[in-house]
Amino acid sequence: MFLGIDHGYKSVRFHIEPENVFLEYSRKDLLKIDFMKKLSEYDIRIVAIAYSMGDGIDKIIDTRYVKNRSLLEKFVGDYIGGGTRVYDEISEKYIT
């Protein structure tokens, strides 16, 4: 199975294929819930993360090799921490 993640300004969206499952959580809610438990219900093999809101990622790259993953421009977005948590936990468990 494939998991696509879009890290947006207000929320993080998850789409699991081929089941066509769509989940969406606010960045603040992701600090409170166990989203990895929900994802563990599926046999996810590979993950794609769209995480480019003012950060240093400028190409498609395995998350193990990303450098400068952080908010570079203070006026681009607010740091909440939910998206960072998703990125870190997903990168530790899955091929991304």
N, C-alpha and C. Protein backbone atom coordinates (compact mmCIF):
# COMPACT_ATOMS: atom_id res chain seq x y z
N MET A 1 0.83 -1.18 0.00
CA MET A 1 0.00 0.00 0.00
C MET A 1 0.87 1.24 0.00
N PHE A 2 0.30 2.30 -0.49
CA PHE A 2 0.98 3.58 -0.63
C PHE A 2 0.29 4.62 0.24
N LEU A 3 1.08 5.41 0.95
CA LEU A 3 0.55 6.51 1.75
C LEU A 3 1.12 7.81 1.22
N GLY A 4 0.24 8.73 0.85
CA GLY A 4 0.65 10.06 0.45
C GLY A 4 0.30 11.03 1.56
N ILE A 5 1.21 11.94 1.89
CA ILE A 5 0.98 12.91 2.96
C ILE A 5 1.22 14.31 2.41
N ASP A 6 0.27 15.18 2.67
CA ASP A 6 0.40 16.59 2.31
C ASP A 6 0.42 17.39 3.60
N HIS A 7 1.55 18.04 3.86
CA HIS A 7 1.70 18.89 5.04
C HIS A 7 1.30 20.30 4.62
N GLY A 8 0.10 20.69 4.99
CA GLY A 8 -0.42 21.99 4.59
C GLY A 8 -0.28 23.05 5.67
N TYR A 9 -0.78 24.22 5.35
CA TYR A 9 -0.67 25.36 6.26
C TYR A 9 -1.46 25.14 7.55
N LYS A 10 -2.66 24.57 7.45
CA LYS A 10 -3.50 24.38 8.62
C LYS A 10 -3.66 22.93 9.05
N SER A 11 -3.43 22.00 8.13
CA SER A 11 -3.65 20.60 8.47
C SER A 11 -2.68 19.71 7.70
N VAL A 12 -2.68 18.44 8.12
CA VAL A 12 -1.89 17.42 7.43
C VAL A 12 -2.88 16.38 6.93
N ARG A 13 -2.79 16.08 5.63
CA ARG A 13 -3.73 15.16 5.00
C ARG A 13 -3.00 13.87 4.63
N PHE A 14 -3.68 12.75 4.86
CA PHE A 14 -3.15 11.43 4.56
C PHE A 14 -4.09 10.75 3.56
N HIS A 15 -3.53 10.12 2.54
CA HIS A 15 -4.33 9.38 1.57
C HIS A 15 -3.69 8.02 1.37
N ILE A 16 -4.44 6.97 1.64
CA ILE A 16 -3.93 5.60 1.54
C ILE A 16 -4.54 4.94 0.30
N GLU A 17 -3.67 4.42 -0.55
CA GLU A 17 -4.07 3.72 -1.76
C GLU A 17 -3.62 2.28 -1.69
N PRO A 18 -4.32 1.33 -2.22
CA PRO A 18 -5.48 1.46 -3.09
C PRO A 18 -6.81 1.51 -2.35
N GLU A 19 -6.80 1.59 -1.03
CA GLU A 19 -8.05 1.60 -0.26
C GLU A 19 -8.85 2.89 -0.40
N ASN A 20 -8.21 3.95 -0.91
CA ASN A 20 -8.84 5.25 -1.07
C ASN A 20 -9.34 5.80 0.28
N VAL A 21 -8.48 5.69 1.30
CA VAL A 21 -8.78 6.21 2.63
C VAL A 21 -8.16 7.59 2.75
N PHE A 22 -8.96 8.56 3.18
CA PHE A 22 -8.51 9.93 3.34
C PHE A 22 -8.68 10.35 4.80
N LEU A 23 -7.59 10.81 5.41
CA LEU A 23 -7.62 11.29 6.79
C LEU A 23 -7.05 12.71 6.80
N GLU A 24 -7.60 13.56 7.65
CA GLU A 24 -7.09 14.92 7.77
C GLU A 24 -7.14 15.35 9.23
N TYR A 25 -6.02 15.90 9.69
CA TYR A 25 -5.92 16.37 11.07
C TYR A 25 -5.29 17.76 11.08
N SER A 26 -5.75 18.61 11.97
CA SER A 26 -5.09 19.90 12.12
C SER A 26 -3.70 19.65 12.69
N ARG A 27 -2.79 20.56 12.45
CA ARG A 27 -1.43 20.40 12.96
C ARG A 27 -1.43 20.38 14.49
N LYS A 28 -2.33 21.11 15.11
CA LYS A 28 -2.44 21.10 16.58
C LYS A 28 -2.95 19.76 17.08
N ASP A 29 -3.97 19.19 16.39
CA ASP A 29 -4.52 17.89 16.81
C ASP A 29 -3.48 16.78 16.70
N LEU A 30 -2.56 16.90 15.75
CA LEU A 30 -1.55 15.86 15.59
C LEU A 30 -0.60 15.79 16.78
N LEU A 31 -0.56 16.83 17.57
CA LEU A 31 0.25 16.80 18.79
C LEU A 31 -0.42 15.99 19.89
N LYS A 32 -1.74 15.77 19.76
CA LYS A 32 -2.53 15.13 20.82
C LYS A 32 -2.92 13.69 20.52
N ILE A 33 -2.98 13.32 19.25
CA ILE A 33 -3.51 12.00 18.89
C ILE A 33 -2.40 11.04 18.48
N ASP A 34 -2.71 9.76 18.48
CA ASP A 34 -1.78 8.73 18.05
C ASP A 34 -2.11 8.36 16.60
N PHE A 35 -1.66 9.18 15.66
CA PHE A 35 -1.98 8.95 14.25
C PHE A 35 -1.26 7.70 13.73
N MET A 36 -0.13 7.35 14.33
CA MET A 36 0.58 6.15 13.89
C MET A 36 -0.23 4.89 14.19
N LYS A 37 -1.02 4.91 15.25
CA LYS A 37 -1.88 3.78 15.56
C LYS A 37 -2.92 3.59 14.46
N LYS A 38 -3.49 4.70 13.99
CA LYS A 38 -4.46 4.64 12.90
C LYS A 38 -3.81 4.09 11.63
N LEU A 39 -2.59 4.55 11.33
CA LEU A 39 -1.90 4.10 10.12
C LEU A 39 -1.51 2.63 10.22
N SER A 40 -1.30 2.13 11.44
CA SER A 40 -0.88 0.73 11.61
C SER A 40 -1.98 -0.25 11.20
N GLU A 41 -3.19 0.24 10.98
CA GLU A 41 -4.29 -0.62 10.51
C GLU A 41 -4.08 -1.04 9.05
N TYR A 42 -3.15 -0.41 8.36
CA TYR A 42 -2.93 -0.65 6.94
C TYR A 42 -1.51 -1.17 6.72
N ASP A 43 -1.34 -1.97 5.69
CA ASP A 43 -0.04 -2.54 5.35
C ASP A 43 0.70 -1.57 4.42
N ILE A 44 1.13 -0.46 4.96
CA ILE A 44 1.79 0.58 4.17
C ILE A 44 3.23 0.17 3.90
N ARG A 45 3.61 0.28 2.62
CA ARG A 45 4.95 -0.12 2.20
C ARG A 45 5.85 1.07 1.84
N ILE A 46 5.24 2.12 1.30
CA ILE A 46 6.04 3.28 0.88
C ILE A 46 5.21 4.54 1.10
N VAL A 47 5.91 5.63 1.38
CA VAL A 47 5.26 6.89 1.73
C VAL A 47 5.86 8.03 0.91
N ALA A 48 5.01 8.93 0.47
CA ALA A 48 5.47 10.17 -0.17
C ALA A 48 4.97 11.32 0.68
N ILE A 49 5.87 12.24 1.03
CA ILE A 49 5.51 13.39 1.86
C ILE A 49 5.71 14.66 1.06
N ALA A 50 4.66 15.48 0.96
CA ALA A 50 4.79 16.82 0.40
C ALA A 50 4.96 17.75 1.60
N TYR A 51 6.15 18.25 1.78
CA TYR A 51 6.49 19.02 2.98
C TYR A 51 7.37 20.17 2.55
N SER A 52 6.77 21.17 1.95
CA SER A 52 7.59 22.23 1.36
C SER A 52 7.15 23.62 1.76
N MET A 53 6.46 23.75 2.87
CA MET A 53 5.96 25.05 3.29
C MET A 53 7.08 25.88 3.92
N GLY A 54 7.91 26.48 3.07
CA GLY A 54 8.96 27.35 3.57
C GLY A 54 10.16 26.60 4.12
N ASP A 55 10.32 25.35 3.75
CA ASP A 55 11.44 24.59 4.30
C ASP A 55 12.58 24.47 3.28
N GLY A 56 13.58 23.70 3.63
CA GLY A 56 14.77 23.56 2.80
C GLY A 56 14.74 22.39 1.84
N ILE A 57 13.61 21.72 1.66
CA ILE A 57 13.54 20.59 0.74
C ILE A 57 13.21 21.13 -0.65
N ASP A 58 14.10 20.93 -1.60
CA ASP A 58 13.90 21.50 -2.93
C ASP A 58 13.89 20.46 -4.05
N LYS A 59 13.82 19.16 -3.67
CA LYS A 59 13.76 18.10 -4.69
C LYS A 59 13.18 16.85 -4.06
N ILE A 60 12.86 15.87 -4.89
CA ILE A 60 12.38 14.58 -4.38
C ILE A 60 13.59 13.84 -3.82
N ILE A 61 13.50 13.46 -2.55
CA ILE A 61 14.64 12.85 -1.87
C ILE A 61 14.16 11.95 -0.74
N ASP A 62 14.88 10.89 -0.49
CA ASP A 62 14.60 10.01 0.65
C ASP A 62 14.78 10.85 1.92
N THR A 63 13.82 10.77 2.83
CA THR A 63 13.87 11.62 4.02
C THR A 63 15.10 11.35 4.89
N ARG A 64 15.71 10.18 4.74
CA ARG A 64 16.93 9.91 5.51
C ARG A 64 18.08 10.81 5.10
N TYR A 65 17.99 11.42 3.91
CA TYR A 65 19.08 12.24 3.40
C TYR A 65 18.75 13.73 3.34
N VAL A 66 17.64 14.12 3.90
CA VAL A 66 17.25 15.53 3.87
C VAL A 66 18.10 16.33 4.85
N LYS A 67 18.57 17.47 4.39
CA LYS A 67 19.29 18.41 5.25
C LYS A 67 18.48 19.71 5.25
N ASN A 68 18.58 20.46 6.30
CA ASN A 68 17.88 21.75 6.42
C ASN A 68 16.37 21.61 6.38
N ARG A 69 15.84 20.56 7.00
CA ARG A 69 14.38 20.43 7.07
C ARG A 69 13.91 21.28 8.24
N SER A 70 13.47 22.45 7.91
CA SER A 70 12.93 23.34 8.94
C SER A 70 12.35 24.57 8.25
N LEU A 71 11.62 25.33 9.01
CA LEU A 71 11.04 26.56 8.49
C LEU A 71 12.15 27.56 8.28
N LEU A 72 12.35 27.97 7.03
CA LEU A 72 13.44 28.90 6.72
C LEU A 72 12.99 30.35 6.76
N GLU A 73 11.75 30.59 6.44
CA GLU A 73 11.22 31.95 6.39
C GLU A 73 10.17 32.11 7.47
N LYS A 74 10.38 32.99 8.42
CA LYS A 74 9.43 33.13 9.52
C LYS A 74 8.06 33.61 9.07
N PHE A 75 7.98 34.33 7.97
CA PHE A 75 6.70 34.85 7.52
C PHE A 75 5.93 33.86 6.64
N VAL A 76 6.49 32.69 6.38
CA VAL A 76 5.84 31.71 5.51
C VAL A 76 4.77 30.94 6.26
N GLY A 77 5.01 30.57 7.48
CA GLY A 77 4.05 29.78 8.24
C GLY A 77 4.37 29.82 9.73
N ASP A 78 3.47 29.27 10.51
CA ASP A 78 3.67 29.21 11.96
C ASP A 78 4.16 27.83 12.33
N TYR A 79 5.12 27.78 13.24
CA TYR A 79 5.58 26.49 13.73
C TYR A 79 4.62 26.01 14.80
N ILE A 80 3.99 24.85 14.58
CA ILE A 80 3.06 24.25 15.53
C ILE A 80 3.69 23.00 16.14
N GLY A 81 4.31 22.17 15.32
CA GLY A 81 4.95 20.96 15.79
C GLY A 81 4.27 19.67 15.34
N GLY A 82 3.00 19.75 14.95
CA GLY A 82 2.29 18.55 14.50
C GLY A 82 2.86 17.98 13.22
N GLY A 83 3.16 18.83 12.26
CA GLY A 83 3.74 18.37 11.00
C GLY A 83 5.14 17.80 11.20
N THR A 84 5.90 18.41 12.09
CA THR A 84 7.24 17.91 12.41
C THR A 84 7.15 16.52 13.03
N ARG A 85 6.18 16.34 13.91
CA ARG A 85 5.98 15.02 14.54
C ARG A 85 5.65 13.97 13.48
N VAL A 86 4.73 14.31 12.56
CA VAL A 86 4.38 13.38 11.48
C VAL A 86 5.62 13.02 10.68
N TYR A 87 6.35 14.02 10.26
CA TYR A 87 7.55 13.81 9.44
C TYR A 87 8.52 12.88 10.15
N ASP A 88 8.81 13.16 11.41
CA ASP A 88 9.80 12.37 12.15
C ASP A 88 9.33 10.92 12.36
N GLU A 89 8.10 10.74 12.79
CA GLU A 89 7.61 9.39 13.08
C GLU A 89 7.44 8.56 11.81
N ILE A 90 6.97 9.18 10.74
CA ILE A 90 6.82 8.49 9.46
C ILE A 90 8.20 8.10 8.92
N SER A 91 9.16 9.02 9.00
CA SER A 91 10.51 8.76 8.47
C SER A 91 11.21 7.63 9.23
N GLU A 92 10.92 7.47 10.50
CA GLU A 92 11.54 6.41 11.29
C GLU A 92 10.97 5.03 10.93
N LYS A 93 9.70 4.98 10.54
CA LYS A 93 9.04 3.69 10.34
C LYS A 93 8.96 3.23 8.89
N TYR A 94 8.85 4.16 7.96
CA TYR A 94 8.57 3.81 6.57
C TYR A 94 9.67 4.29 5.62
N ILE A 95 9.72 3.66 4.44
CA ILE A 95 10.54 4.16 3.35
C ILE A 95 9.80 5.38 2.80
N THR A 96 10.45 6.50 2.78
CA THR A 96 9.76 7.74 2.34
C THR A 96 10.52 8.40 1.21
